[in-house]
Amino acid sequence: MQKVLFAALVFALHSFFFGSFLHAGQDCTEPQKLKYEYKIETDLTTEKFSDVFCDRLSTKHNWKKLGTQVSADETYTSKFKFKDDNQMPWECEVVIHKDNEDTRKMDVLMTMSPKIES
């Protein structure tokens, strides 16, 4: 399970750091949000899975966790911040909940965006 979680996280962060913000022929006037959605099979509870996933972001990838909210349907929403190599601040929201069709899987949605300061 940890190998799958690690692979998903590495893929997401690789795409984040090496992905492109602009598509050929398109001009961008507002910051682009990067969204990644994963379905990960695990035998962990939603709470434990969220803890492991978020700890990995914090310890291995240097995202600073700002907090987590848990809704009545056991959806875990965690907020993070990060500064890239150019000291550009970023925000990230991670939403984790059990898959509606297969309870052995977790749905993970990561939304990252640059924080534009005025």
Protein backbone atom coordinates (compact mmCIF):
# COMPACT_ATOMS: atom_id res chain seq x y z
CA MET A 1 0.00 0.00 0.00
CA GLN A 2 2.80 2.39 0.85
CA LYS A 3 4.41 1.76 -2.55
CA VAL A 4 1.17 2.69 -4.32
CA LEU A 5 0.74 5.79 -2.17
CA PHE A 6 4.35 6.79 -2.75
CA ALA A 7 4.05 6.25 -6.52
CA ALA A 8 0.88 8.35 -6.71
CA LEU A 9 2.45 11.13 -4.67
CA VAL A 10 5.68 11.11 -6.71
CA PHE A 11 3.67 11.29 -9.95
CA ALA A 12 1.59 14.20 -8.66
CA LEU A 13 4.59 16.16 -7.44
CA HIS A 14 6.61 15.40 -10.59
CA SER A 15 3.73 16.72 -12.70
CA PHE A 16 3.48 19.74 -10.40
CA PHE A 17 7.16 20.69 -10.65
CA PHE A 18 7.79 19.82 -14.29
CA GLY A 19 4.36 20.46 -15.82
CA SER A 20 3.62 23.42 -18.02
CA PHE A 21 1.32 26.28 -17.05
CA LEU A 22 0.63 27.36 -20.61
CA HIS A 23 -0.59 25.30 -23.51
CA ALA A 24 0.76 26.06 -26.98
CA GLY A 25 -1.02 29.02 -28.50
CA GLN A 26 -2.86 30.04 -25.33
CA ASP A 27 -2.18 33.12 -23.26
CA CYS A 28 -2.87 32.94 -19.56
CA THR A 29 -3.85 36.03 -17.60
CA GLU A 30 -4.82 34.30 -14.35
CA PRO A 31 -2.96 31.66 -12.38
CA GLN A 32 -3.78 28.13 -13.44
CA LYS A 33 -4.94 25.57 -10.93
CA LEU A 34 -3.39 22.16 -11.24
CA LYS A 35 -5.76 19.30 -10.41
CA TYR A 36 -4.82 15.68 -9.91
CA GLU A 37 -7.27 12.93 -9.04
CA TYR A 38 -6.28 9.46 -7.91
CA LYS A 39 -8.03 6.29 -6.86
CA ILE A 40 -5.80 4.37 -4.47
CA GLU A 41 -6.58 0.94 -3.09
CA THR A 42 -5.88 0.57 0.62
CA ASP A 43 -6.99 -1.31 3.69
CA LEU A 44 -6.51 1.78 5.90
CA THR A 45 -9.38 3.79 7.34
CA THR A 46 -10.03 7.16 5.72
CA GLU A 47 -8.59 8.91 8.78
CA LYS A 48 -5.37 6.86 8.78
CA PHE A 49 -4.97 7.13 5.00
CA SER A 50 -5.37 10.91 5.19
CA ASP A 51 -2.76 11.05 7.97
CA VAL A 52 -0.26 8.98 5.97
CA PHE A 53 -0.83 10.90 2.73
CA CYS A 54 -0.56 14.32 4.39
CA ASP A 55 2.46 13.33 6.51
CA ARG A 56 4.23 12.30 3.32
CA LEU A 57 3.51 15.69 1.71
CA SER A 58 4.84 17.46 4.81
CA THR A 59 7.92 15.39 5.60
CA LYS A 60 9.15 14.22 2.20
CA HIS A 61 8.02 17.10 -0.01
CA ASN A 62 8.20 20.06 2.41
CA TRP A 63 4.58 21.23 2.19
CA LYS A 64 3.49 22.99 5.39
CA LYS A 65 0.14 21.71 6.62
CA LEU A 66 -2.22 24.50 7.65
CA GLY A 67 -5.05 22.32 8.92
CA THR A 68 -7.61 19.60 8.23
CA GLN A 69 -11.38 19.62 8.33
CA VAL A 70 -13.52 16.47 8.50
CA SER A 71 -17.08 16.56 7.22
CA ALA A 72 -20.00 14.43 8.42
CA ASP A 73 -19.53 12.03 5.48
CA GLU A 74 -15.87 11.45 6.49
CA THR A 75 -14.33 13.59 3.78
CA TYR A 76 -10.93 14.86 4.90
CA THR A 77 -9.94 18.26 3.47
CA SER A 78 -6.40 19.41 4.23
CA LYS A 79 -4.78 22.71 3.28
CA PHE A 80 -1.06 23.20 2.65
CA LYS A 81 1.33 25.92 1.55
CA PHE A 82 4.71 25.70 -0.14
CA LYS A 83 7.40 27.92 -1.69
CA ASP A 84 9.07 26.69 -4.86
CA ASP A 85 12.74 27.18 -5.80
CA ASN A 86 11.95 30.73 -6.98
CA GLN A 87 10.25 31.52 -3.63
CA MET A 88 6.83 31.63 -5.36
CA PRO A 89 4.17 30.75 -2.76
CA TRP A 90 1.72 27.95 -3.60
CA GLU A 91 -1.44 26.65 -1.96
CA CYS A 92 -2.72 23.10 -2.07
CA GLU A 93 -5.97 21.48 -1.04
CA VAL A 94 -6.14 17.71 -0.62
CA VAL A 95 -9.60 16.12 -0.43
CA ILE A 96 -9.75 12.44 0.55
CA HIS A 97 -12.80 10.20 0.89
CA LYS A 98 -13.81 6.59 0.29
CA ASP A 99 -14.72 5.77 -3.29
CA ASN A 100 -18.50 5.54 -3.70
CA GLU A 101 -18.32 2.42 -5.89
CA ASP A 102 -15.43 0.49 -4.29
CA THR A 103 -14.94 0.94 -0.53
CA ARG A 104 -11.45 -0.58 -0.79
CA LYS A 105 -10.33 2.54 -2.66
CA MET A 106 -9.82 6.16 -1.70
CA ASP A 107 -10.54 9.13 -3.94
CA VAL A 108 -7.80 11.73 -3.64
CA LEU A 109 -8.17 15.15 -5.29
CA MET A 110 -5.20 17.53 -5.11
CA THR A 111 -5.73 21.11 -6.27
CA MET A 112 -2.64 23.32 -6.39
CA SER A 113 -2.33 26.95 -7.41
CA PRO A 114 0.17 29.77 -7.13
CA LYS A 115 -0.76 32.32 -4.51
CA ILE A 116 -0.87 35.74 -6.08
CA GLU A 117 -0.06 38.41 -3.55
CA SER A 118 -1.18 41.99 -4.08
